């Protein structure tokens, strides 16, 4: 008998596993950092985005302990013009800027699609 699960669920799970495997282990969020109430990857695909309006995730980059104070400063303090100016003047290194943003992005990839769904849908609210 064929599986009753829609094909997209298996594809999404495979892609999530590929993404997680591509992110360095030291950048991956420990389970204790992810807020209670976050859904599993498969549940996040099928349960729906409305659920995430009840889970606070915006402090994860600051509280997870993976970003250094310098990386937090880089990712929170500057817009693109400010970053370019700081790098041009030699106060920031491109490598540090890229590493900081890669870490933040890896968190958004691992703790979701969950974070991404949360952020997209929370911005749609009036």
PDB file of N, CA and C in Angstrom:
ATOM      1  N   UNK A   1       0.849  -1.190   0.000  1.00  0.00           N
ATOM      2  CA  UNK A   1       0.000   0.000   0.000  1.00  0.00           C
ATOM      3  C   UNK A   1       0.888   1.245   0.000  1.00  0.00           C
ATOM      4  N   UNK A   2       0.552   2.215  -0.802  1.00  0.00           N
ATOM      5  CA  UNK A   2       1.337   3.447  -0.920  1.00  0.00           C
ATOM      6  C   UNK A   2       1.135   4.322   0.319  1.00  0.00           C
ATOM      7  N   UNK A   3       2.143   5.107   0.606  1.00  0.00           N
ATOM      8  CA  UNK A   3       2.079   6.013   1.749  1.00  0.00           C
ATOM      9  C   UNK A   3       1.004   7.078   1.517  1.00  0.00           C
ATOM     10  N   UNK A   4       0.291   7.441   2.565  1.00  0.00           N
ATOM     11  CA  UNK A   4      -0.731   8.476   2.484  1.00  0.00           C
ATOM     12  C   UNK A   4      -0.132   9.881   2.613  1.00  0.00           C
ATOM     13  N   UNK A   5       1.134   9.931   2.961  1.00  0.00           N
ATOM     14  CA  UNK A   5       1.803  11.214   3.169  1.00  0.00           C
ATOM     15  C   UNK A   5       2.045  11.889   1.818  1.00  0.00           C
ATOM     16  N   UNK A   6       1.718  13.180   1.699  1.00  0.00           N
ATOM     17  CA  UNK A   6       1.975  13.879   0.436  1.00  0.00           C
ATOM     18  C   UNK A   6       3.470  13.863   0.092  1.00  0.00           C
ATOM     19  N   UNK A   7       3.778  13.843  -1.178  1.00  0.00           N
ATOM     20  CA  UNK A   7       5.157  13.759  -1.655  1.00  0.00           C
ATOM     21  C   UNK A   7       6.005  14.925  -1.130  1.00  0.00           C
ATOM     22  N   UNK A   8       5.410  16.108  -1.045  1.00  0.00           N
ATOM     23  CA  UNK A   8       6.188  17.276  -0.638  1.00  0.00           C
ATOM     24  C   UNK A   8       6.771  17.125   0.764  1.00  0.00           C
ATOM     25  N   UNK A   9       6.141  16.345   1.623  1.00  0.00           N
ATOM     26  CA  UNK A   9       6.641  16.165   2.979  1.00  0.00           C
ATOM     27  C   UNK A   9       7.998  15.466   2.949  1.00  0.00           C
ATOM     28  N   UNK A  10       8.109  14.395   2.181  1.00  0.00           N
ATOM     29  CA  UNK A  10       9.384  13.673   2.064  1.00  0.00           C
ATOM     30  C   UNK A  10      10.447  14.552   1.415  1.00  0.00           C
ATOM     31  N   UNK A  11      10.065  15.309   0.402  1.00  0.00           N
ATOM     32  CA  UNK A  11      11.019  16.207  -0.265  1.00  0.00           C
ATOM     33  C   UNK A  11      11.503  17.271   0.718  1.00  0.00           C
ATOM     34  N   UNK A  12      10.584  17.856   1.457  1.00  0.00           N
ATOM     35  CA  UNK A  12      10.948  18.892   2.429  1.00  0.00           C
ATOM     36  C   UNK A  12      11.864  18.326   3.514  1.00  0.00           C
ATOM     37  N   UNK A  13      11.565  17.135   3.996  1.00  0.00           N
ATOM     38  CA  UNK A  13      12.408  16.519   5.025  1.00  0.00           C
ATOM     39  C   UNK A  13      13.808  16.241   4.488  1.00  0.00           C
ATOM     40  N   UNK A  14      13.904  15.764   3.261  1.00  0.00           N
ATOM     41  CA  UNK A  14      15.204  15.503   2.651  1.00  0.00           C
ATOM     42  C   UNK A  14      16.000  16.801   2.486  1.00  0.00           C
ATOM     43  N   UNK A  15      15.350  17.847   2.030  1.00  0.00           N
ATOM     44  CA  UNK A  15      16.031  19.129   1.838  1.00  0.00           C
ATOM     45  C   UNK A  15      16.473  19.724   3.178  1.00  0.00           C
ATOM     46  N   UNK A  16      15.658  19.580   4.206  1.00  0.00           N
ATOM     47  CA  UNK A  16      16.043  20.068   5.533  1.00  0.00           C
ATOM     48  C   UNK A  16      17.262  19.309   6.046  1.00  0.00           C
ATOM     49  N   UNK A  17      17.305  18.018   5.828  1.00  0.00           N
ATOM     50  CA  UNK A  17      18.457  17.215   6.255  1.00  0.00           C
ATOM     51  C   UNK A  17      19.710  17.616   5.492  1.00  0.00           C
ATOM     52  N   UNK A  18      19.574  17.865   4.190  1.00  0.00           N
ATOM     53  CA  UNK A  18      20.717  18.321   3.393  1.00  0.00           C
ATOM     54  C   UNK A  18      21.229  19.667   3.894  1.00  0.00           C
ATOM     55  N   UNK A  19      20.322  20.567   4.196  1.00  0.00           N
ATOM     56  CA  UNK A  19      20.704  21.886   4.698  1.00  0.00           C
ATOM     57  C   UNK A  19      21.410  21.766   6.043  1.00  0.00           C
ATOM     58  N   UNK A  20      20.859  20.979   6.939  1.00  0.00           N
ATOM     59  CA  UNK A  20      21.468  20.809   8.261  1.00  0.00           C
ATOM     60  C   UNK A  20      22.863  20.209   8.153  1.00  0.00           C
ATOM     61  N   UNK A  21      23.053  19.280   7.228  1.00  0.00           N
ATOM     62  CA  UNK A  21      24.363  18.648   7.057  1.00  0.00           C
ATOM     63  C   UNK A  21      25.392  19.609   6.487  1.00  0.00           C
ATOM     64  N   UNK A  22      24.944  20.642   5.783  1.00  0.00           N
ATOM     65  CA  UNK A  22      25.861  21.593   5.157  1.00  0.00           C
ATOM     66  C   UNK A  22      26.335  22.685   6.120  1.00  0.00           C
ATOM     67  N   UNK A  23      25.702  22.808   7.272  1.00  0.00           N
ATOM     68  CA  UNK A  23      26.043  23.861   8.235  1.00  0.00           C
ATOM     69  C   UNK A  23      27.015  23.295   9.257  1.00  0.00           C
ATOM     70  N   UNK A  24      28.128  24.005   9.494  1.00  0.00           N
ATOM     71  CA  UNK A  24      29.110  23.501  10.472  1.00  0.00           C
ATOM     72  C   UNK A  24      28.465  23.189  11.820  1.00  0.00           C
ATOM     73  N   UNK A  25      28.887  22.118  12.430  1.00  0.00           N
ATOM     74  CA  UNK A  25      28.307  21.672  13.701  1.00  0.00           C
ATOM     75  C   UNK A  25      28.372  22.755  14.767  1.00  0.00           C
ATOM     76  N   UNK A  26      29.458  23.517  14.799  1.00  0.00           N
ATOM     77  CA  UNK A  26      29.590  24.551  15.837  1.00  0.00           C
ATOM     78  C   UNK A  26      28.628  25.714  15.638  1.00  0.00           C
ATOM     79  N   UNK A  27      27.981  25.808  14.498  1.00  0.00           N
ATOM     80  CA  UNK A  27      26.995  26.859  14.257  1.00  0.00           C
ATOM     81  C   UNK A  27      25.572  26.372  14.502  1.00  0.00           C
ATOM     82  N   UNK A  28      25.382  25.088  14.725  1.00  0.00           N
ATOM     83  CA  UNK A  28      24.039  24.556  14.876  1.00  0.00           C
ATOM     84  C   UNK A  28      23.504  24.843  16.278  1.00  0.00           C
ATOM     85  N   UNK A  29      22.239  25.149  16.329  1.00  0.00           N
ATOM     86  CA  UNK A  29      21.609  25.488  17.607  1.00  0.00           C
ATOM     87  C   UNK A  29      21.436  24.258  18.476  1.00  0.00           C
ATOM     88  N   UNK A  30      21.881  24.347  19.734  1.00  0.00           N
ATOM     89  CA  UNK A  30      21.597  23.245  20.655  1.00  0.00           C
ATOM     90  C   UNK A  30      20.094  23.215  20.965  1.00  0.00           C
ATOM     91  N   UNK A  31      19.589  22.057  21.232  1.00  0.00           N
ATOM     92  CA  UNK A  31      18.148  21.887  21.468  1.00  0.00           C
ATOM     93  C   UNK A  31      17.631  22.781  22.586  1.00  0.00           C
ATOM     94  N   UNK A  32      18.449  23.011  23.631  1.00  0.00           N
ATOM     95  CA  UNK A  32      17.956  23.813  24.764  1.00  0.00           C
ATOM     96  C   UNK A  32      17.756  25.289  24.408  1.00  0.00           C
ATOM     97  N   UNK A  33      18.282  25.735  23.287  1.00  0.00           N
ATOM     98  CA  UNK A  33      18.142  27.136  22.875  1.00  0.00           C
ATOM     99  C   UNK A  33      16.838  27.365  22.120  1.00  0.00           C
ATOM    100  N   UNK A  34      16.332  26.319  21.486  1.00  0.00           N
ATOM    101  CA  UNK A  34      15.110  26.459  20.700  1.00  0.00           C
ATOM    102  C   UNK A  34      13.923  26.518  21.654  1.00  0.00           C
ATOM    103  N   UNK A  35      13.105  27.558  21.541  1.00  0.00           N
ATOM    104  CA  UNK A  35      11.990  27.732  22.482  1.00  0.00           C
ATOM    105  C   UNK A  35      11.035  26.554  22.483  1.00  0.00           C
ATOM    106  N   UNK A  36      10.502  26.265  23.652  1.00  0.00           N
ATOM    107  CA  UNK A  36       9.466  25.252  23.744  1.00  0.00           C
ATOM    108  C   UNK A  36       8.310  25.648  22.852  1.00  0.00           C
ATOM    109  N   UNK A  37       7.715  24.680  22.244  1.00  0.00           N
ATOM    110  CA  UNK A  37       6.596  24.972  21.359  1.00  0.00           C
ATOM    111  C   UNK A  37       6.976  25.032  19.899  1.00  0.00           C
ATOM    112  N   UNK A  38       8.270  25.000  19.595  1.00  0.00           N
ATOM    113  CA  UNK A  38       8.662  24.954  18.191  1.00  0.00           C
ATOM    114  C   UNK A  38       8.323  23.567  17.670  1.00  0.00           C
ATOM    115  N   UNK A  39       7.836  23.507  16.477  1.00  0.00           N
ATOM    116  CA  UNK A  39       7.428  22.245  15.900  1.00  0.00           C
ATOM    117  C   UNK A  39       8.603  21.513  15.281  1.00  0.00           C
ATOM    118  N   UNK A  40       8.434  20.211  15.113  1.00  0.00           N
ATOM    119  CA  UNK A  40       9.420  19.444  14.361  1.00  0.00           C
ATOM    120  C   UNK A  40       9.378  19.924  12.913  1.00  0.00           C
ATOM    121  N   UNK A  41      10.392  19.548  12.158  1.00  0.00           N
ATOM    122  CA  UNK A  41      10.423  19.961  10.754  1.00  0.00           C
ATOM    123  C   UNK A  41       9.190  19.466  10.019  1.00  0.00           C
ATOM    124  N   UNK A  42       8.842  18.205  10.200  1.00  0.00           N
ATOM    125  CA  UNK A  42       7.680  17.690   9.473  1.00  0.00           C
ATOM    126  C   UNK A  42       6.388  18.360   9.946  1.00  0.00           C
ATOM    127  N   UNK A  43       6.264  18.628  11.233  1.00  0.00           N
ATOM    128  CA  UNK A  43       5.068  19.321  11.714  1.00  0.00           C
ATOM    129  C   UNK A  43       5.011  20.756  11.193  1.00  0.00           C
ATOM    130  N   UNK A  44       6.172  21.401  11.045  1.00  0.00           N
ATOM    131  CA  UNK A  44       6.160  22.777  10.566  1.00  0.00           C
ATOM    132  C   UNK A  44       5.675  22.847   9.129  1.00  0.00           C
ATOM    133  N   UNK A  45       5.812  21.757   8.399  1.00  0.00           N
ATOM    134  CA  UNK A  45       5.341  21.708   7.016  1.00  0.00           C
ATOM    135  C   UNK A  45       3.831  21.519   6.981  1.00  0.00           C
ATOM    136  N   UNK A  46       3.303  20.714   7.882  1.00  0.00           N
ATOM    137  CA  UNK A  46       1.901  20.321   7.792  1.00  0.00           C
ATOM    138  C   UNK A  46       0.954  21.066   8.732  1.00  0.00           C
ATOM    139  N   UNK A  47       1.448  21.546   9.862  1.00  0.00           N
ATOM    140  CA  UNK A  47       0.552  22.179  10.836  1.00  0.00           C
ATOM    141  C   UNK A  47       0.174  23.585  10.420  1.00  0.00           C
ATOM    142  N   UNK A  48       1.120  24.307   9.877  1.00  0.00           N
ATOM    143  CA  UNK A  48       0.800  25.629   9.379  1.00  0.00           C
ATOM    144  C   UNK A  48       1.446  26.745  10.160  1.00  0.00           C
ATOM    145  N   UNK A  49       1.565  27.897   9.523  1.00  0.00           N
ATOM    146  CA  UNK A  49       2.289  29.026  10.087  1.00  0.00           C
ATOM    147  C   UNK A  49       1.587  29.746  11.236  1.00  0.00           C
ATOM    148  N   UNK A  50       0.311  29.651  11.364  1.00  0.00           N
ATOM    149  CA  UNK A  50      -0.392  30.376  12.438  1.00  0.00           C
ATOM    150  C   UNK A  50       0.162  30.011  13.814  1.00  0.00           C
ATOM    151  N   UNK A  51       0.628  28.796  13.952  1.00  0.00           N
ATOM    152  CA  UNK A  51       1.181  28.320  15.215  1.00  0.00           C
ATOM    153  C   UNK A  51       2.318  29.197  15.712  1.00  0.00           C
ATOM    154  N   UNK A  52       3.138  29.702  14.819  1.00  0.00           N
ATOM    155  CA  UNK A  52       4.341  30.421  15.207  1.00  0.00           C
ATOM    156  C   UNK A  52       4.086  31.798  15.778  1.00  0.00           C
ATOM    157  N   UNK A  53       2.894  32.270  15.676  1.00  0.00           N
ATOM    158  CA  UNK A  53       2.594  33.566  16.262  1.00  0.00           C
ATOM    159  C   UNK A  53       2.659  33.502  17.786  1.00  0.00           C
ATOM    160  N   UNK A  54       2.726  32.309  18.338  1.00  0.00           N
ATOM    161  CA  UNK A  54       2.770  32.141  19.788  1.00  0.00           C
ATOM    162  C   UNK A  54       4.161  31.825  20.316  1.00  0.00           C
ATOM    163  N   UNK A  55       5.168  31.742  19.450  1.00  0.00           N
ATOM    164  CA  UNK A  55       6.508  31.350  19.869  1.00  0.00           C
ATOM    165  C   UNK A  55       7.474  32.502  19.615  1.00  0.00           C
ATOM    166  N   UNK A  56       8.193  32.938  20.657  1.00  0.00           N
ATOM    167  CA  UNK A  56       9.157  34.014  20.504  1.00  0.00           C
ATOM    168  C   UNK A  56      10.520  33.482  20.092  1.00  0.00           C
ATOM    169  N   UNK A  57      11.026  33.957  18.971  1.00  0.00           N
ATOM    170  CA  UNK A  57      12.302  33.465  18.456  1.00  0.00           C
ATOM    171  C   UNK A  57      13.298  34.578  18.152  1.00  0.00           C
ATOM    172  N   UNK A  58      12.907  35.801  18.319  1.00  0.00           N
ATOM    173  CA  UNK A  58      13.748  36.905  17.869  1.00  0.00           C
ATOM    174  C   UNK A  58      15.034  37.061  18.689  1.00  0.00           C
ATOM    175  N   UNK A  59      15.071  36.549  19.893  1.00  0.00           N
ATOM    176  CA  UNK A  59      16.268  36.669  20.727  1.00  0.00           C
ATOM    177  C   UNK A  59      17.279  35.538  20.525  1.00  0.00           C
ATOM    178  N   UNK A  60      16.954  34.568  19.705  1.00  0.00           N
ATOM    179  CA  UNK A  60      17.839  33.412  19.558  1.00  0.00           C
ATOM    180  C   UNK A  60      19.259  33.809  19.158  1.00  0.00           C
ATOM    181  N   UNK A  61      19.465  34.645  18.148  1.00  0.00           N
ATOM    182  CA  UNK A  61      20.860  34.978  17.802  1.00  0.00           C
ATOM    183  C   UNK A  61      21.640  35.588  18.971  1.00  0.00           C
ATOM    184  N   UNK A  62      20.979  36.406  19.776  1.00  0.00           N
ATOM    185  CA  UNK A  62      21.647  37.076  20.890  1.00  0.00           C
ATOM    186  C   UNK A  62      21.887  36.135  22.073  1.00  0.00           C
ATOM    187  N   UNK A  63      21.025  35.169  22.261  1.00  0.00           N
ATOM    188  CA  UNK A  63      21.107  34.342  23.465  1.00  0.00           C
ATOM    189  C   UNK A  63      21.666  32.939  23.247  1.00  0.00           C
ATOM    190  N   UNK A  64      21.877  32.549  22.005  1.00  0.00           N
ATOM    191  CA  UNK A  64      22.276  31.157  21.738  1.00  0.00           C
ATOM    192  C   UNK A  64      23.732  30.866  22.089  1.00  0.00           C
ATOM    193  N   UNK A  65      24.566  31.898  22.183  1.00  0.00           N
ATOM    194  CA  UNK A  65      25.960  31.691  22.539  1.00  0.00           C
ATOM    195  C   UNK A  65      26.861  31.308  21.381  1.00  0.00           C
ATOM    196  N   UNK A  66      26.335  31.273  20.191  1.00  0.00           N
ATOM    197  CA  UNK A  66      27.131  30.885  19.027  1.00  0.00           C
ATOM    198  C   UNK A  66      27.820  32.092  18.393  1.00  0.00           C
ATOM    199  N   UNK A  67      27.164  33.230  18.396  1.00  0.00           N
ATOM    200  CA  UNK A  67      27.779  34.439  17.842  1.00  0.00           C
ATOM    201  C   UNK A  67      28.639  35.121  18.903  1.00  0.00           C
ATOM    202  N   UNK A  68      29.777  35.621  18.472  1.00  0.00           N
ATOM    203  CA  UNK A  68      30.638  36.381  19.372  1.00  0.00           C
ATOM    204  C   UNK A  68      30.029  37.766  19.571  1.00  0.00           C
ATOM    205  N   UNK A  69      30.454  38.498  20.597  1.00  0.00           N
ATOM    206  CA  UNK A  69      29.961  39.871  20.755  1.00  0.00           C
ATOM    207  C   UNK A  69      30.219  40.725  19.510  1.00  0.00           C
ATOM    208  N   UNK A  70      31.359  40.534  18.877  1.00  0.00           N
ATOM    209  CA  UNK A  70      31.674  41.293  17.659  1.00  0.00           C
ATOM    210  C   UNK A  70      30.702  40.933  16.533  1.00  0.00           C
ATOM    211  N   UNK A  71      30.394  39.650  16.375  1.00  0.00           N
ATOM    212  CA  UNK A  71      29.459  39.229  15.333  1.00  0.00           C
ATOM    213  C   UNK A  71      28.051  39.747  15.614  1.00  0.00           C
ATOM    214  N   UNK A  72      27.657  39.768  16.863  1.00  0.00           N
ATOM    215  CA  UNK A  72      26.352  40.339  17.205  1.00  0.00           C
ATOM    216  C   UNK A  72      26.311  41.813  16.851  1.00  0.00           C
ATOM    217  N   UNK A  73      27.367  42.526  17.163  1.00  0.00           N
ATOM    218  CA  UNK A  73      27.452  43.948  16.833  1.00  0.00           C
ATOM    219  C   UNK A  73      27.336  44.148  15.324  1.00  0.00           C
ATOM    220  N   UNK A  74      28.065  43.358  14.578  1.00  0.00           N
ATOM    221  CA  UNK A  74      28.047  43.464  13.116  1.00  0.00           C
ATOM    222  C   UNK A  74      26.648  43.206  12.566  1.00  0.00           C
ATOM    223  N   UNK A  75      25.987  42.190  13.053  1.00  0.00           N
ATOM    224  CA  UNK A  75      24.691  41.806  12.489  1.00  0.00           C
ATOM    225  C   UNK A  75      23.526  42.648  12.995  1.00  0.00           C
ATOM    226  N   UNK A  76      23.708  43.366  14.090  1.00  0.00           N
ATOM    227  CA  UNK A  76      22.605  44.149  14.647  1.00  0.00           C
ATOM    228  C   UNK A  76      22.758  45.656  14.477  1.00  0.00           C
ATOM    229  N   UNK A  77      23.974  46.134  14.391  1.00  0.00           N
ATOM    230  CA  UNK A  77      24.223  47.575  14.453  1.00  0.00           C
ATOM    231  C   UNK A  77      24.223  48.271  13.090  1.00  0.00           C
ATOM    232  N   UNK A  78      24.631  47.580  12.051  1.00  0.00           N
ATOM    233  CA  UNK A  78      24.892  48.229  10.772  1.00  0.00           C
ATOM    234  C   UNK A  78      23.882  47.864   9.697  1.00  0.00           C
ATOM    235  N   UNK A  79      23.638  48.825   8.803  1.00  0.00           N
ATOM    236  CA  UNK A  79      22.987  48.499   7.544  1.00  0.00           C
ATOM    237  C   UNK A  79      24.099  48.266   6.529  1.00  0.00           C
ATOM    238  N   UNK A  80      23.744  47.972   5.279  1.00  0.00           N
ATOM    239  CA  UNK A  80      24.756  47.629   4.290  1.00  0.00           C
ATOM    240  C   UNK A  80      25.733  48.775   4.052  1.00  0.00           C
ATOM    241  N   UNK A  81      25.260  49.997   4.036  1.00  0.00           N
ATOM    242  CA  UNK A  81      26.159  51.137   3.826  1.00  0.00           C
ATOM    243  C   UNK A  81      27.148  51.272   4.977  1.00  0.00           C
ATOM    244  N   UNK A  82      26.659  51.076   6.183  1.00  0.00           N
ATOM    245  CA  UNK A  82      27.540  51.145   7.344  1.00  0.00           C
ATOM    246  C   UNK A  82      28.590  50.055   7.339  1.00  0.00           C
ATOM    247  N   UNK A  83      28.192  48.851   6.940  1.00  0.00           N
ATOM    248  CA  UNK A  83      29.158  47.751   6.865  1.00  0.00           C
ATOM    249  C   UNK A  83      30.227  48.023   5.815  1.00  0.00           C
ATOM    250  N   UNK A  84      29.807  48.509   4.650  1.00  0.00           N
ATOM    251  CA  UNK A  84      30.775  48.816   3.595  1.00  0.00           C
ATOM    252  C   UNK A  84      31.729  49.909   4.058  1.00  0.00           C
ATOM    253  N   UNK A  85      31.197  50.926   4.712  1.00  0.00           N
ATOM    254  CA  UNK A  85      32.053  52.010   5.208  1.00  0.00           C
ATOM    255  C   UNK A  85      33.059  51.492   6.237  1.00  0.00           C
ATOM    256  N   UNK A  86      32.606  50.653   7.151  1.00  0.00           N
ATOM    257  CA  UNK A  86      33.498  50.108   8.171  1.00  0.00           C
ATOM    258  C   UNK A  86      34.587  49.226   7.553  1.00  0.00           C
ATOM    259  N   UNK A  87      34.218  48.440   6.548  1.00  0.00           N
ATOM    260  CA  UNK A  87      35.215  47.604   5.878  1.00  0.00           C
ATOM    261  C   UNK A  87      36.181  48.451   5.057  1.00  0.00           C
ATOM    262  N   UNK A  88      35.664  49.478   4.400  1.00  0.00           N
ATOM    263  CA  UNK A  88      36.518  50.371   3.608  1.00  0.00           C
ATOM    264  C   UNK A  88      37.550  51.059   4.480  1.00  0.00           C
ATOM    265  N   UNK A  89      37.136  51.460   5.665  1.00  0.00           N
ATOM    266  CA  UNK A  89      38.042  52.141   6.591  1.00  0.00           C
ATOM    267  C   UNK A  89      38.935  51.171   7.365  1.00  0.00           C
ATOM    268  N   UNK A  90      38.716  49.889   7.187  1.00  0.00           N
ATOM    269  CA  UNK A  90      39.552  48.887   7.842  1.00  0.00           C
ATOM    270  C   UNK A  90      39.167  48.569   9.278  1.00  0.00           C
ATOM    271  N   UNK A  91      38.010  49.058   9.709  1.00  0.00           N
ATOM    272  CA  UNK A  91      37.569  48.789  11.083  1.00  0.00           C
ATOM    273  C   UNK A  91      36.900  47.421  11.203  1.00  0.00           C
ATOM    274  N   UNK A  92      36.388  46.910  10.088  1.00  0.00           N
ATOM    275  CA  UNK A  92      35.821  45.565  10.050  1.00  0.00           C
ATOM    276  C   UNK A  92      36.453  44.805   8.906  1.00  0.00           C
ATOM    277  N   UNK A  93      36.572  43.489   9.099  1.00  0.00           N
ATOM    278  CA  UNK A  93      37.072  42.612   8.033  1.00  0.00           C
ATOM    279  C   UNK A  93      35.881  41.946   7.363  1.00  0.00           C
ATOM    280  N   UNK A  94      35.962  41.819   6.052  1.00  0.00           N
ATOM    281  CA  UNK A  94      34.881  41.162   5.305  1.00  0.00           C
ATOM    282  C   UNK A  94      34.633  39.753   5.834  1.00  0.00           C
ATOM    283  N   UNK A  95      35.696  39.054   6.208  1.00  0.00           N
ATOM    284  CA  UNK A  95      35.561  37.691   6.724  1.00  0.00           C
ATOM    285  C   UNK A  95      34.695  37.673   7.987  1.00  0.00           C
ATOM    286  N   UNK A  96      34.873  38.640   8.873  1.00  0.00           N
ATOM    287  CA  UNK A  96      34.076  38.700  10.100  1.00  0.00           C
ATOM    288  C   UNK A  96      32.613  39.016   9.792  1.00  0.00           C
ATOM    289  N   UNK A  97      32.395  39.914   8.833  1.00  0.00           N
ATOM    290  CA  UNK A  97      31.028  40.275   8.449  1.00  0.00           C
ATOM    291  C   UNK A  97      30.316  39.059   7.859  1.00  0.00           C
ATOM    292  N   UNK A  98      30.971  38.389   6.936  1.00  0.00           N
ATOM    293  CA  UNK A  98      30.358  37.217   6.292  1.00  0.00           C
ATOM    294  C   UNK A  98      30.103  36.118   7.311  1.00  0.00           C
ATOM    295  N   UNK A  99      31.064  35.853   8.187  1.00  0.00           N
ATOM    296  CA  UNK A  99      30.887  34.800   9.192  1.00  0.00           C
ATOM    297  C   UNK A  99      29.695  35.111  10.095  1.00  0.00           C
ATOM    298  N   UNK A 100      29.584  36.349  10.558  1.00  0.00           N
ATOM    299  CA  UNK A 100      28.467  36.715  11.432  1.00  0.00           C
ATOM    300  C   UNK A 100      27.120  36.500  10.768  1.00  0.00           C
ATOM    301  N   UNK A 101      26.994  36.963   9.529  1.00  0.00           N
ATOM    302  CA  UNK A 101      25.722  36.802   8.832  1.00  0.00           C
ATOM    303  C   UNK A 101      25.455  35.350   8.453  1.00  0.00           C
ATOM    304  N   UNK A 102      26.490  34.601   8.149  1.00  0.00           N
ATOM    305  CA  UNK A 102      26.299  33.172   7.871  1.00  0.00           C
ATOM    306  C   UNK A 102      25.791  32.441   9.112  1.00  0.00           C
ATOM    307  N   UNK A 103      26.317  32.788  10.266  1.00  0.00           N
ATOM    308  CA  UNK A 103      25.842  32.159  11.502  1.00  0.00           C
ATOM    309  C   UNK A 103      24.383  32.481  11.751  1.00  0.00           C
ATOM    310  N   UNK A 104      24.021  33.748  11.597  1.00  0.00           N
ATOM    311  CA  UNK A 104      22.622  34.134  11.812  1.00  0.00           C
ATOM    312  C   UNK A 104      21.721  33.409  10.823  1.00  0.00           C
ATOM    313  N   UNK A 105      22.142  33.349   9.579  1.00  0.00           N
ATOM    314  CA  UNK A 105      21.336  32.677   8.565  1.00  0.00           C
ATOM    315  C   UNK A 105      21.235  31.176   8.832  1.00  0.00           C
ATOM    316  N   UNK A 106      22.303  30.596   9.329  1.00  0.00           N
ATOM    317  CA  UNK A 106      22.247  29.164   9.622  1.00  0.00           C
ATOM    318  C   UNK A 106      21.240  28.876  10.729  1.00  0.00           C
ATOM    319  N   UNK A 107      21.098  29.793  11.673  1.00  0.00           N
ATOM    320  CA  UNK A 107      20.099  29.613  12.732  1.00  0.00           C
ATOM    321  C   UNK A 107      18.703  29.669  12.145  1.00  0.00           C
ATOM    322  N   UNK A 108      18.490  30.581  11.234  1.00  0.00           N
ATOM    323  CA  UNK A 108      17.179  30.694  10.602  1.00  0.00           C
ATOM    324  C   UNK A 108      16.872  29.453   9.774  1.00  0.00           C
ATOM    325  N   UNK A 109      17.906  28.809   9.268  1.00  0.00           N
ATOM    326  CA  UNK A 109      17.701  27.605   8.473  1.00  0.00           C
ATOM    327  C   UNK A 109      17.435  26.387   9.336  1.00  0.00           C
ATOM    328  N   UNK A 110      18.075  26.333  10.483  1.00  0.00           N
ATOM    329  CA  UNK A 110      17.968  25.133  11.300  1.00  0.00           C
ATOM    330  C   UNK A 110      16.797  25.148  12.251  1.00  0.00           C
ATOM    331  N   UNK A 111      16.575  26.256  12.909  1.00  0.00           N
ATOM    332  CA  UNK A 111      15.493  26.224  13.867  1.00  0.00           C
ATOM    333  C   UNK A 111      14.176  26.324  13.156  1.00  0.00           C
ATOM    334  N   UNK A 112      14.187  26.604  11.911  1.00  0.00           N
ATOM    335  CA  UNK A 112      13.105  26.468  10.987  1.00  0.00           C
ATOM    336  C   UNK A 112      13.600  26.204   9.618  1.00  0.00           C
ATOM    337  N   UNK A 113      12.849  26.121   8.870  1.00  0.00           N
ATOM    338  CA  UNK A 113      12.030  27.004   8.099  1.00  0.00           C
ATOM    339  C   UNK A 113      11.175  27.669   9.194  1.00  0.00           C
ATOM    340  N   UNK A 114      11.190  27.142  10.401  1.00  0.00           N
ATOM    341  CA  UNK A 114      10.387  27.642  11.508  1.00  0.00           C
ATOM    342  C   UNK A 114      10.550  29.145  11.724  1.00  0.00           C
ATOM    343  N   UNK A 115      11.757  29.619  11.817  1.00  0.00           N
ATOM    344  CA  UNK A 115      11.964  31.052  12.025  1.00  0.00           C
ATOM    345  C   UNK A 115      11.490  31.842  10.819  1.00  0.00           C
ATOM    346  N   UNK A 116      11.797  31.356   9.653  1.00  0.00           N
ATOM    347  CA  UNK A 116      11.416  32.056   8.441  1.00  0.00           C
ATOM    348  C   UNK A 116       9.906  32.170   8.349  1.00  0.00           C
ATOM    349  N   UNK A 117       9.212  31.071   8.603  1.00  0.00           N
ATOM    350  CA  UNK A 117       7.748  31.104   8.580  1.00  0.00           C
ATOM    351  C   UNK A 117       7.244  32.097   9.613  1.00  0.00           C
ATOM    352  N   UNK A 118       7.820  32.063  10.805  1.00  0.00           N
ATOM    353  CA  UNK A 118       7.403  32.976  11.861  1.00  0.00           C
ATOM    354  C   UNK A 118       7.578  34.424  11.423  1.00  0.00           C
ATOM    355  N   UNK A 119       8.770  34.743  10.895  1.00  0.00           N
ATOM    356  CA  UNK A 119       9.053  36.132  10.538  1.00  0.00           C
ATOM    357  C   UNK A 119       8.171  36.610   9.391  1.00  0.00           C
ATOM    358  N   UNK A 120       7.980  35.788   8.381  1.00  0.00           N
ATOM    359  CA  UNK A 120       7.161  36.185   7.244  1.00  0.00           C
ATOM    360  C   UNK A 120       5.723  36.424   7.681  1.00  0.00           C
ATOM    361  N   UNK A 121       5.167  35.479   8.436  1.00  0.00           N
ATOM    362  CA  UNK A 121       3.774  35.616   8.817  1.00  0.00           C
ATOM    363  C   UNK A 121       3.554  36.656   9.898  1.00  0.00           C
ATOM    364  N   UNK A 122       4.543  36.873  10.763  1.00  0.00           N
ATOM    365  CA  UNK A 122       4.338  37.888  11.789  1.00  0.00           C
ATOM    366  C   UNK A 122       4.366  39.278  11.188  1.00  0.00           C
ATOM    367  N   UNK A 123       5.051  39.469  10.075  1.00  0.00           N
ATOM    368  CA  UNK A 123       5.084  40.776   9.402  1.00  0.00           C
ATOM    369  C   UNK A 123       3.785  41.051   8.657  1.00  0.00           C
ATOM    370  N   UNK A 124       3.008  40.025   8.364  1.00  0.00           N
ATOM    371  CA  UNK A 124       1.765  40.222   7.660  1.00  0.00           C
ATOM    372  C   UNK A 124       0.646  40.687   8.590  1.00  0.00           C
ATOM    373  N   UNK A 125       0.874  40.630   9.870  1.00  0.00           N
ATOM    374  CA  UNK A 125      -0.156  41.009  10.816  1.00  0.00           C
ATOM    375  C   UNK A 125      -0.294  42.532  10.839  1.00  0.00           C
ATOM    376  N   UNK A 126      -1.530  43.051  11.024  1.00  0.00           N
ATOM    377  CA  UNK A 126      -1.756  44.501  11.035  1.00  0.00           C
ATOM    378  C   UNK A 126      -1.084  45.170  12.204  1.00  0.00           C
TER     379      UNK A 126
END
